[in-house]
Each structure stands twice: as C-alpha cells, then as structure tokens.
Protein backbone atom coordinates (compact mmCIF):
# COMPACT_ATOMS: atom_id res chain seq x y z
CA MET A 1 141.94 106.26 144.69
CA ASN A 2 142.20 109.10 142.23
CA ARG A 3 143.56 106.67 139.65
CA ALA A 4 140.59 104.35 140.13
CA GLU A 5 138.21 107.23 139.48
CA LYS A 6 140.09 108.28 136.36
CA GLU A 7 140.23 104.73 134.97
CA LEU A 8 136.54 104.27 135.74
CA ALA A 9 135.75 107.35 133.68
CA TYR A 10 138.27 106.61 130.91
CA TYR A 11 137.28 103.01 130.28
CA ARG A 12 133.60 103.70 131.03
CA ALA A 13 133.43 100.65 133.25
CA GLN A 14 129.89 99.34 133.39
CA ASP A 15 130.27 97.20 136.51
CA ALA A 16 128.23 98.69 139.35
CA LEU A 17 130.53 97.02 141.87
CA VAL A 18 133.46 99.13 140.63
CA LYS A 19 131.45 102.31 141.14
CA ASP A 20 130.42 101.14 144.61
CA LEU A 21 134.02 100.35 145.56
CA VAL A 22 135.23 103.78 144.46
CA ALA A 23 132.40 105.48 146.36
CA GLU A 24 133.16 103.45 149.48
CA ALA A 25 136.87 104.26 149.21
CA LYS A 26 136.06 107.98 148.99
CA ALA A 27 133.84 107.73 152.04
CA ARG A 28 136.53 105.99 154.11
CA LEU A 29 139.50 108.07 152.98
CA GLU A 30 139.53 110.43 155.97
CA LYS A 31 139.13 107.93 158.79
CA GLU A 32 140.46 104.71 157.26
CA PRO A 33 143.07 105.50 154.59
CA GLY A 34 144.39 101.92 154.59
CA ARG A 35 141.02 100.46 153.81
CA ALA A 36 140.33 103.17 151.25
CA PHE A 37 143.55 102.21 149.48
CA LEU A 38 142.57 98.54 149.42
CA LEU A 39 139.10 99.34 148.11
CA ALA A 40 140.57 101.49 145.35
CA ARG A 41 143.01 98.70 144.41
CA ALA A 42 140.11 96.26 144.24
CA ALA A 43 138.28 98.64 141.91
CA LEU A 44 141.36 98.88 139.68
CA ALA A 45 141.64 95.08 139.61
CA LEU A 46 138.00 94.78 138.51
CA ILE A 47 138.51 97.39 135.79
CA SER A 48 141.52 95.44 134.54
CA ALA A 49 139.55 92.20 134.60
CA GLU A 50 136.72 93.81 132.66
CA ARG A 51 139.21 94.91 130.01
CA GLY A 52 140.68 91.41 129.84
CA PHE A 53 144.10 92.07 131.36
C-alpha cells in the first residue's frame, strides 16, 4: 500500500477512484490486510492505466 501512495503522489494521479482506493486500503489494513493489499494493487493498476502502460 505504501507503494500505491508514493506512486499516487509521484505521478499526481487525478483519478478520484485511485485516491478512494488508497484511503480504503489504509482503513482496512489493520483488520483485513488481504483486502487492503488487493485494494492497493487495484490503485496501482489504475495509476498504470492512467499513464498508458
């Protein structure tokens, strides 16, 4: 999840969904680490798609 936050800041992703996914992942990290991981991966995928990769 830390990587998703860093890429969000680095690439200045404008998609609100990415920001929501990262926030949701942070909220679930303590109780649901598996889901938090999947949410962070989804955010990374959206950042990549926004960049065109």
